[in-house]
Amino acid sequence: MAADQSGPGSASAFPNADHPHLTNQLLLAMPGMLDDNFAGSVVYLFEHNSKGAMGLVINRPTEVNLSVLLDKIELKLEITPFKDQSVYFGGPVQTERGFVLHEFAAPAYSSSLTVPGGLTMTTSKDVLEAVAKGSGPQRFIMTLGYAGWGAGQLEEEIALNGWI
């Protein structure tokens, strides 16, 4: 996405020295993080622009494993290496929806966002169908939900020492 072309010092200039572009970066919650959704969390940002930011918490496994999750959406896991792989809490937004963060795969899946210089985030069922058959990405993390921030919200939280 194109950056806002406002002049230096403009409140809406993005990215600039005050508002770095954080796509493909990790956020670490500072010890003083008061929000229980994020205390102790590591978030991979797959999108950050003038409209806000989106990411996935990547260090909070749930009690659900991939085999159980695929069973709930009527997919049979035909290969065993992933049956016990944890499904993670990706964030408090849309926790009923799955997000798969994975290495680049060709051909691309139906609903994927390839992060420049980073990974791919896919929300379509076809990636899970491929994983179940053993033809999907070999390295991935499955989350339920995502973390999202409105315009300027993440930058304010960073300035208030909520994230590093």
N, C-alpha and C. Protein backbone atom coordinates (compact mmCIF):
# COMPACT_ATOMS: atom_id res chain seq x y z
N MET A 1 0.83 -1.17 0.00
CA MET A 1 0.00 0.00 0.00
C MET A 1 0.88 1.23 0.00
N ALA A 2 0.44 2.24 -0.68
CA ALA A 2 1.23 3.46 -0.80
C ALA A 2 1.18 4.27 0.49
N ALA A 3 2.30 4.89 0.81
CA ALA A 3 2.36 5.74 1.99
C ALA A 3 1.70 7.08 1.69
N ASP A 4 1.16 7.71 2.70
CA ASP A 4 0.59 9.04 2.59
C ASP A 4 1.70 9.99 2.16
N GLN A 5 1.43 10.85 1.22
CA GLN A 5 2.45 11.74 0.68
C GLN A 5 2.44 13.12 1.34
N SER A 6 1.84 13.25 2.53
CA SER A 6 1.83 14.53 3.24
C SER A 6 3.25 14.95 3.57
N GLY A 7 3.44 16.22 3.76
CA GLY A 7 4.78 16.74 4.02
C GLY A 7 5.30 16.41 5.40
N PRO A 8 6.64 16.59 5.61
CA PRO A 8 7.24 16.32 6.91
C PRO A 8 6.58 17.16 7.98
N GLY A 9 6.42 16.57 9.14
CA GLY A 9 5.82 17.28 10.25
C GLY A 9 4.31 17.23 10.24
N SER A 10 3.71 16.81 9.14
CA SER A 10 2.27 16.68 9.06
C SER A 10 1.83 15.52 9.96
N ALA A 11 0.73 15.69 10.64
CA ALA A 11 0.23 14.64 11.54
C ALA A 11 -0.11 13.37 10.78
N SER A 12 -0.40 13.48 9.47
CA SER A 12 -0.77 12.29 8.73
C SER A 12 0.36 11.73 7.87
N ALA A 13 1.56 12.31 7.97
CA ALA A 13 2.69 11.78 7.20
C ALA A 13 2.99 10.36 7.67
N PHE A 14 3.14 9.43 6.72
CA PHE A 14 3.39 8.03 7.09
C PHE A 14 4.08 7.32 5.96
N PRO A 15 5.07 6.50 6.14
CA PRO A 15 5.82 6.44 7.37
C PRO A 15 6.80 7.61 7.47
N ASN A 16 7.21 7.93 8.64
CA ASN A 16 8.25 8.93 8.87
C ASN A 16 8.99 8.57 10.14
N ALA A 17 9.86 9.43 10.59
CA ALA A 17 10.67 9.11 11.77
C ALA A 17 9.82 8.86 13.00
N ASP A 18 8.67 9.53 13.11
CA ASP A 18 7.81 9.35 14.27
C ASP A 18 6.89 8.13 14.13
N HIS A 19 6.65 7.70 12.91
CA HIS A 19 5.75 6.58 12.65
C HIS A 19 6.42 5.59 11.70
N PRO A 20 7.32 4.77 12.20
CA PRO A 20 8.00 3.83 11.31
C PRO A 20 7.05 2.77 10.76
N HIS A 21 7.36 2.31 9.59
CA HIS A 21 6.61 1.25 8.95
C HIS A 21 7.04 -0.06 9.61
N LEU A 22 6.15 -0.74 10.28
CA LEU A 22 6.50 -1.90 11.09
C LEU A 22 6.07 -3.25 10.50
N THR A 23 5.63 -3.26 9.25
CA THR A 23 5.27 -4.53 8.61
C THR A 23 6.47 -5.46 8.63
N ASN A 24 6.21 -6.74 8.90
CA ASN A 24 7.24 -7.78 8.96
C ASN A 24 8.18 -7.58 10.15
N GLN A 25 7.65 -7.03 11.22
CA GLN A 25 8.42 -6.85 12.46
C GLN A 25 7.69 -7.54 13.60
N LEU A 26 8.43 -7.78 14.68
CA LEU A 26 7.84 -8.35 15.88
C LEU A 26 7.63 -7.26 16.92
N LEU A 27 6.52 -7.30 17.59
CA LEU A 27 6.25 -6.43 18.73
C LEU A 27 6.36 -7.28 19.99
N LEU A 28 7.06 -6.76 20.98
CA LEU A 28 7.15 -7.44 22.26
C LEU A 28 6.44 -6.60 23.29
N ALA A 29 5.49 -7.19 24.00
CA ALA A 29 4.77 -6.46 25.03
C ALA A 29 5.73 -6.16 26.17
N MET A 30 5.73 -4.93 26.61
CA MET A 30 6.57 -4.52 27.74
C MET A 30 5.97 -5.08 29.03
N PRO A 31 6.81 -5.25 30.06
CA PRO A 31 6.31 -5.82 31.33
C PRO A 31 5.11 -5.08 31.92
N GLY A 32 4.97 -3.81 31.66
CA GLY A 32 3.86 -3.05 32.21
C GLY A 32 2.58 -3.14 31.40
N MET A 33 2.52 -3.99 30.37
CA MET A 33 1.33 -4.11 29.53
C MET A 33 0.14 -4.53 30.40
N LEU A 34 -0.88 -3.69 30.45
CA LEU A 34 -2.03 -3.93 31.32
C LEU A 34 -3.14 -4.73 30.64
N ASP A 35 -3.17 -4.75 29.33
CA ASP A 35 -4.21 -5.47 28.60
C ASP A 35 -3.92 -6.97 28.66
N ASP A 36 -4.81 -7.74 29.30
CA ASP A 36 -4.61 -9.18 29.44
C ASP A 36 -4.51 -9.91 28.11
N ASN A 37 -5.10 -9.34 27.06
CA ASN A 37 -5.00 -9.96 25.74
C ASN A 37 -3.57 -9.96 25.22
N PHE A 38 -2.76 -9.02 25.72
CA PHE A 38 -1.42 -8.85 25.17
C PHE A 38 -0.29 -8.97 26.18
N ALA A 39 -0.58 -9.06 27.46
CA ALA A 39 0.49 -9.18 28.47
C ALA A 39 1.38 -10.38 28.14
N GLY A 40 2.67 -10.14 28.06
CA GLY A 40 3.63 -11.21 27.75
C GLY A 40 3.64 -11.68 26.31
N SER A 41 2.98 -10.95 25.43
CA SER A 41 2.82 -11.40 24.04
C SER A 41 3.93 -10.96 23.11
N VAL A 42 4.10 -11.77 22.07
CA VAL A 42 4.93 -11.43 20.91
C VAL A 42 3.97 -11.42 19.72
N VAL A 43 3.96 -10.31 18.98
CA VAL A 43 3.04 -10.16 17.85
C VAL A 43 3.85 -9.98 16.57
N TYR A 44 3.53 -10.76 15.55
CA TYR A 44 4.11 -10.58 14.21
C TYR A 44 3.17 -9.67 13.44
N LEU A 45 3.67 -8.50 13.02
CA LEU A 45 2.86 -7.56 12.25
C LEU A 45 2.92 -7.91 10.77
N PHE A 46 1.78 -8.26 10.21
CA PHE A 46 1.74 -8.56 8.77
C PHE A 46 1.24 -7.38 7.96
N GLU A 47 0.75 -6.34 8.64
CA GLU A 47 0.34 -5.14 7.93
C GLU A 47 0.42 -3.94 8.87
N HIS A 48 1.01 -2.85 8.37
CA HIS A 48 1.09 -1.60 9.13
C HIS A 48 1.16 -0.48 8.12
N ASN A 49 0.16 0.39 8.16
CA ASN A 49 0.12 1.51 7.24
C ASN A 49 -0.63 2.67 7.89
N SER A 50 -0.94 3.67 7.14
CA SER A 50 -1.58 4.85 7.69
C SER A 50 -2.99 4.58 8.23
N LYS A 51 -3.59 3.47 7.86
CA LYS A 51 -4.93 3.13 8.33
C LYS A 51 -4.91 2.32 9.63
N GLY A 52 -3.74 1.80 10.00
CA GLY A 52 -3.63 1.02 11.22
C GLY A 52 -2.67 -0.14 11.06
N ALA A 53 -2.84 -1.14 11.90
CA ALA A 53 -1.94 -2.29 11.90
C ALA A 53 -2.71 -3.56 12.21
N MET A 54 -2.19 -4.68 11.69
CA MET A 54 -2.75 -6.00 11.96
C MET A 54 -1.60 -6.96 12.19
N GLY A 55 -1.80 -7.86 13.13
CA GLY A 55 -0.77 -8.84 13.43
C GLY A 55 -1.36 -10.06 14.10
N LEU A 56 -0.48 -11.02 14.37
CA LEU A 56 -0.87 -12.26 15.03
C LEU A 56 0.00 -12.47 16.25
N VAL A 57 -0.63 -12.76 17.39
CA VAL A 57 0.12 -13.18 18.56
C VAL A 57 0.67 -14.57 18.24
N ILE A 58 1.97 -14.74 18.41
CA ILE A 58 2.59 -16.00 17.98
C ILE A 58 3.16 -16.83 19.13
N ASN A 59 2.90 -16.43 20.36
CA ASN A 59 3.47 -17.17 21.48
C ASN A 59 2.44 -17.58 22.54
N ARG A 60 1.17 -17.70 22.14
CA ARG A 60 0.13 -18.08 23.10
C ARG A 60 -0.66 -19.29 22.59
N PRO A 61 -0.11 -20.49 22.78
CA PRO A 61 -0.83 -21.68 22.34
C PRO A 61 -2.12 -21.87 23.14
N THR A 62 -3.14 -22.38 22.45
CA THR A 62 -4.40 -22.70 23.12
C THR A 62 -4.38 -24.19 23.48
N GLU A 63 -5.46 -24.65 24.05
CA GLU A 63 -5.58 -26.07 24.40
C GLU A 63 -5.98 -26.91 23.18
N VAL A 64 -6.27 -26.25 22.07
CA VAL A 64 -6.72 -26.94 20.86
C VAL A 64 -5.51 -27.27 19.98
N ASN A 65 -5.49 -28.47 19.43
CA ASN A 65 -4.44 -28.79 18.47
C ASN A 65 -5.03 -28.82 17.06
N LEU A 66 -4.15 -28.89 16.08
CA LEU A 66 -4.57 -28.80 14.68
C LEU A 66 -5.54 -29.92 14.30
N SER A 67 -5.31 -31.12 14.79
CA SER A 67 -6.18 -32.24 14.48
C SER A 67 -7.61 -31.97 14.93
N VAL A 68 -7.78 -31.46 16.14
CA VAL A 68 -9.11 -31.14 16.68
C VAL A 68 -9.76 -30.03 15.86
N LEU A 69 -8.99 -29.00 15.55
CA LEU A 69 -9.54 -27.88 14.78
C LEU A 69 -9.99 -28.33 13.39
N LEU A 70 -9.16 -29.10 12.70
CA LEU A 70 -9.54 -29.57 11.37
C LEU A 70 -10.77 -30.47 11.43
N ASP A 71 -10.87 -31.26 12.48
CA ASP A 71 -12.04 -32.10 12.67
C ASP A 71 -13.31 -31.25 12.79
N LYS A 72 -13.21 -30.12 13.47
CA LYS A 72 -14.37 -29.23 13.66
C LYS A 72 -14.85 -28.62 12.34
N ILE A 73 -13.93 -28.47 11.38
CA ILE A 73 -14.34 -27.90 10.09
C ILE A 73 -14.44 -28.99 9.02
N GLU A 74 -14.56 -30.23 9.50
CA GLU A 74 -14.79 -31.39 8.66
C GLU A 74 -13.68 -31.66 7.65
N LEU A 75 -12.44 -31.49 8.12
CA LEU A 75 -11.27 -31.88 7.33
C LEU A 75 -10.54 -32.96 8.10
N LYS A 76 -10.16 -34.01 7.40
CA LYS A 76 -9.42 -35.08 8.04
C LYS A 76 -7.93 -34.87 7.78
N LEU A 77 -7.17 -34.85 8.85
CA LEU A 77 -5.73 -34.69 8.74
C LEU A 77 -5.15 -36.03 8.29
N GLU A 78 -4.69 -36.08 7.05
CA GLU A 78 -4.22 -37.33 6.46
C GLU A 78 -2.76 -37.62 6.78
N ILE A 79 -2.05 -36.63 7.31
CA ILE A 79 -0.65 -36.85 7.68
C ILE A 79 -0.51 -36.59 9.17
N THR A 80 0.42 -37.28 9.80
CA THR A 80 0.50 -37.18 11.25
C THR A 80 1.48 -36.14 11.81
N PRO A 81 2.44 -35.62 11.05
CA PRO A 81 3.38 -34.71 11.69
C PRO A 81 2.73 -33.48 12.34
N PHE A 82 1.57 -33.07 11.88
CA PHE A 82 0.95 -31.86 12.40
C PHE A 82 -0.19 -32.12 13.37
N LYS A 83 -0.52 -33.38 13.64
CA LYS A 83 -1.73 -33.67 14.42
C LYS A 83 -1.71 -33.05 15.81
N ASP A 84 -0.54 -32.96 16.44
CA ASP A 84 -0.44 -32.40 17.79
C ASP A 84 0.01 -30.94 17.80
N GLN A 85 0.15 -30.35 16.63
CA GLN A 85 0.59 -28.95 16.56
C GLN A 85 -0.46 -28.05 17.19
N SER A 86 -0.01 -27.17 18.06
CA SER A 86 -0.93 -26.26 18.75
C SER A 86 -1.54 -25.24 17.80
N VAL A 87 -2.75 -24.86 18.12
CA VAL A 87 -3.41 -23.72 17.49
C VAL A 87 -3.24 -22.58 18.48
N TYR A 88 -2.88 -21.41 18.00
CA TYR A 88 -2.54 -20.29 18.86
C TYR A 88 -3.66 -19.25 18.94
N PHE A 89 -3.68 -18.52 20.06
CA PHE A 89 -4.53 -17.35 20.20
C PHE A 89 -3.84 -16.24 19.42
N GLY A 90 -4.43 -15.82 18.31
CA GLY A 90 -3.80 -14.83 17.45
C GLY A 90 -4.10 -13.40 17.84
N GLY A 91 -5.11 -13.22 18.66
CA GLY A 91 -5.51 -11.89 19.09
C GLY A 91 -7.00 -11.86 19.37
N PRO A 92 -7.47 -10.77 19.95
CA PRO A 92 -8.85 -10.71 20.41
C PRO A 92 -9.90 -10.40 19.33
N VAL A 93 -9.48 -10.14 18.10
CA VAL A 93 -10.42 -9.78 17.04
C VAL A 93 -10.73 -11.02 16.20
N GLN A 94 -12.00 -11.27 15.96
CA GLN A 94 -12.48 -12.39 15.14
C GLN A 94 -11.90 -13.73 15.58
N THR A 95 -12.05 -14.06 16.85
CA THR A 95 -11.47 -15.29 17.39
C THR A 95 -12.10 -16.56 16.84
N GLU A 96 -13.21 -16.43 16.13
CA GLU A 96 -13.83 -17.60 15.51
C GLU A 96 -13.24 -17.87 14.12
N ARG A 97 -12.36 -17.01 13.67
CA ARG A 97 -11.79 -17.11 12.32
C ARG A 97 -10.33 -17.54 12.40
N GLY A 98 -9.92 -18.40 11.46
CA GLY A 98 -8.56 -18.90 11.43
C GLY A 98 -7.64 -18.08 10.55
N PHE A 99 -6.39 -17.96 10.98
CA PHE A 99 -5.34 -17.26 10.25
C PHE A 99 -4.12 -18.17 10.23
N VAL A 100 -3.56 -18.38 9.06
CA VAL A 100 -2.39 -19.25 8.92
C VAL A 100 -1.22 -18.39 8.46
N LEU A 101 -0.20 -18.33 9.29
CA LEU A 101 1.02 -17.61 8.96
C LEU A 101 2.02 -18.66 8.50
N HIS A 102 2.52 -18.50 7.27
CA HIS A 102 3.36 -19.55 6.70
C HIS A 102 4.40 -18.98 5.75
N GLU A 103 5.35 -19.84 5.40
CA GLU A 103 6.33 -19.45 4.40
C GLU A 103 5.62 -19.33 3.06
N PHE A 104 6.23 -18.63 2.13
CA PHE A 104 5.64 -18.44 0.81
C PHE A 104 5.37 -19.79 0.16
N ALA A 105 4.22 -19.90 -0.47
CA ALA A 105 3.85 -21.13 -1.16
C ALA A 105 3.35 -20.79 -2.56
N ALA A 106 3.76 -21.59 -3.53
CA ALA A 106 3.27 -21.41 -4.89
C ALA A 106 2.58 -22.70 -5.28
N PRO A 107 1.41 -22.65 -5.86
CA PRO A 107 0.64 -21.45 -6.16
C PRO A 107 0.05 -20.86 -4.87
N ALA A 108 -0.33 -19.61 -4.95
CA ALA A 108 -0.88 -18.92 -3.80
C ALA A 108 -2.28 -19.46 -3.47
N TYR A 109 -2.68 -19.27 -2.24
CA TYR A 109 -4.01 -19.69 -1.81
C TYR A 109 -5.01 -18.58 -2.09
N SER A 110 -6.30 -18.90 -1.98
CA SER A 110 -7.37 -17.97 -2.37
C SER A 110 -7.29 -16.61 -1.69
N SER A 111 -7.04 -16.60 -0.40
CA SER A 111 -7.04 -15.33 0.34
C SER A 111 -5.75 -15.20 1.13
N SER A 112 -4.72 -14.72 0.46
CA SER A 112 -3.40 -14.60 1.08
C SER A 112 -2.86 -13.20 0.94
N LEU A 113 -2.11 -12.81 1.93
CA LEU A 113 -1.38 -11.54 1.91
C LEU A 113 0.08 -11.89 2.07
N THR A 114 0.88 -11.64 1.03
CA THR A 114 2.31 -11.87 1.12
C THR A 114 2.96 -10.62 1.68
N VAL A 115 3.63 -10.77 2.79
CA VAL A 115 4.26 -9.65 3.48
C VAL A 115 5.61 -9.40 2.82
N PRO A 116 5.83 -8.18 2.30
CA PRO A 116 7.12 -7.89 1.65
C PRO A 116 8.29 -8.19 2.59
N GLY A 117 9.20 -9.03 2.10
CA GLY A 117 10.37 -9.41 2.89
C GLY A 117 10.05 -10.35 4.03
N GLY A 118 8.84 -10.89 4.06
CA GLY A 118 8.44 -11.71 5.20
C GLY A 118 7.72 -12.96 4.81
N LEU A 119 6.68 -13.24 5.54
CA LEU A 119 5.91 -14.46 5.42
C LEU A 119 4.62 -14.20 4.65
N THR A 120 3.75 -15.20 4.60
CA THR A 120 2.44 -15.06 3.98
C THR A 120 1.39 -15.36 5.03
N MET A 121 0.32 -14.59 5.03
CA MET A 121 -0.79 -14.80 5.95
C MET A 121 -2.01 -15.15 5.10
N THR A 122 -2.59 -16.32 5.38
CA THR A 122 -3.72 -16.82 4.60
C THR A 122 -4.92 -17.06 5.50
N THR A 123 -6.09 -16.65 5.01
CA THR A 123 -7.32 -16.85 5.78
C THR A 123 -8.29 -17.80 5.10
N SER A 124 -7.98 -18.30 3.93
CA SER A 124 -8.91 -19.17 3.22
C SER A 124 -8.72 -20.64 3.62
N LYS A 125 -9.80 -21.40 3.50
CA LYS A 125 -9.81 -22.81 3.89
C LYS A 125 -8.88 -23.66 3.03
N ASP A 126 -8.57 -23.21 1.82
CA ASP A 126 -7.76 -24.04 0.92
C ASP A 126 -6.37 -24.33 1.49
N VAL A 127 -5.81 -23.44 2.28
CA VAL A 127 -4.50 -23.71 2.89
C VAL A 127 -4.63 -24.84 3.91
N LEU A 128 -5.73 -24.88 4.64
CA LEU A 128 -5.94 -25.97 5.61
C LEU A 128 -6.21 -27.29 4.90
N GLU A 129 -6.91 -27.23 3.77
CA GLU A 129 -7.13 -28.44 2.99
C GLU A 129 -5.80 -29.00 2.51
N ALA A 130 -4.91 -28.12 2.05
CA ALA A 130 -3.59 -28.55 1.59
C ALA A 130 -2.76 -29.12 2.74
N VAL A 131 -2.81 -28.49 3.90
CA VAL A 131 -2.09 -29.00 5.08
C VAL A 131 -2.62 -30.39 5.44
N ALA A 132 -3.93 -30.55 5.44
CA ALA A 132 -4.53 -31.84 5.79
C ALA A 132 -4.08 -32.95 4.85
N LYS A 133 -3.87 -32.62 3.58
CA LYS A 133 -3.45 -33.62 2.60
C LYS A 133 -1.94 -33.81 2.56
N GLY A 134 -1.21 -32.94 3.24
CA GLY A 134 0.25 -33.05 3.24
C GLY A 134 0.91 -32.26 2.13
N SER A 135 0.13 -31.46 1.39
CA SER A 135 0.72 -30.68 0.28
C SER A 135 0.81 -29.19 0.60
N GLY A 136 0.48 -28.83 1.81
CA GLY A 136 0.52 -27.41 2.21
C GLY A 136 1.89 -27.01 2.70
N PRO A 137 1.99 -25.80 3.23
CA PRO A 137 3.28 -25.33 3.75
C PRO A 137 3.76 -26.26 4.87
N GLN A 138 5.04 -26.48 4.92
CA GLN A 138 5.63 -27.36 5.93
C GLN A 138 5.92 -26.62 7.23
N ARG A 139 6.06 -25.31 7.14
CA ARG A 139 6.29 -24.49 8.33
C ARG A 139 5.20 -23.43 8.39
N PHE A 140 4.39 -23.50 9.44
CA PHE A 140 3.28 -22.56 9.58
C PHE A 140 2.86 -22.50 11.04
N ILE A 141 2.09 -21.47 11.34
CA ILE A 141 1.45 -21.35 12.64
C ILE A 141 -0.01 -21.02 12.38
N MET A 142 -0.90 -21.73 13.04
CA MET A 142 -2.34 -21.54 12.89
C MET A 142 -2.82 -20.77 14.11
N THR A 143 -3.55 -19.68 13.87
CA THR A 143 -4.10 -18.91 14.98
C THR A 143 -5.61 -18.75 14.81
N LEU A 144 -6.25 -18.50 15.91
CA LEU A 144 -7.64 -18.10 15.92
C LEU A 144 -7.65 -16.65 16.38
N GLY A 145 -8.17 -15.78 15.54
CA GLY A 145 -8.20 -14.36 15.85
C GLY A 145 -6.94 -13.65 15.43
N TYR A 146 -7.01 -12.31 15.48
CA TYR A 146 -5.86 -11.48 15.15
C TYR A 146 -5.87 -10.25 16.04
N ALA A 147 -4.77 -9.53 16.03
CA ALA A 147 -4.64 -8.27 16.77
C ALA A 147 -4.76 -7.13 15.77
N GLY A 148 -5.52 -6.12 16.11
CA GLY A 148 -5.70 -5.00 15.20
C GLY A 148 -5.68 -3.67 15.94
N TRP A 149 -5.17 -2.67 15.26
CA TRP A 149 -5.07 -1.31 15.80
C TRP A 149 -5.58 -0.34 14.74
N GLY A 150 -6.30 0.68 15.16
CA GLY A 150 -6.75 1.72 14.26
C GLY A 150 -5.61 2.69 13.95
N ALA A 151 -5.87 3.63 13.06
CA ALA A 151 -4.86 4.61 12.65
C ALA A 151 -4.26 5.30 13.87
N GLY A 152 -2.95 5.23 14.02
CA GLY A 152 -2.23 5.91 15.09
C GLY A 152 -2.28 5.22 16.44
N GLN A 153 -3.14 4.23 16.61
CA GLN A 153 -3.28 3.58 17.90
C GLN A 153 -2.02 2.83 18.33
N LEU A 154 -1.44 2.03 17.43
CA LEU A 154 -0.23 1.29 17.78
C LEU A 154 0.92 2.24 18.07
N GLU A 155 1.06 3.27 17.27
CA GLU A 155 2.13 4.25 17.48
C GLU A 155 2.01 4.89 18.87
N GLU A 156 0.77 5.17 19.28
CA GLU A 156 0.55 5.75 20.61
C GLU A 156 0.92 4.75 21.70
N GLU A 157 0.55 3.48 21.53
CA GLU A 157 0.90 2.46 22.51
C GLU A 157 2.41 2.28 22.61
N ILE A 158 3.11 2.37 21.49
CA ILE A 158 4.58 2.27 21.50
C ILE A 158 5.15 3.49 22.23
N ALA A 159 4.64 4.67 21.95
CA ALA A 159 5.13 5.90 22.60
C ALA A 159 4.88 5.86 24.10
N LEU A 160 3.82 5.18 24.54
CA LEU A 160 3.52 5.05 25.96
C LEU A 160 4.23 3.85 26.60
N ASN A 161 5.19 3.28 25.87
CA ASN A 161 6.03 2.18 26.36
C ASN A 161 5.26 0.88 26.58
N GLY A 162 4.21 0.66 25.78
CA GLY A 162 3.47 -0.58 25.86
C GLY A 162 4.11 -1.71 25.05
N TRP A 163 4.83 -1.32 24.01
CA TRP A 163 5.46 -2.29 23.09
C TRP A 163 6.88 -1.85 22.76
N ILE A 164 7.69 -2.82 22.47
CA ILE A 164 9.02 -2.54 21.93
C ILE A 164 9.16 -3.33 20.64
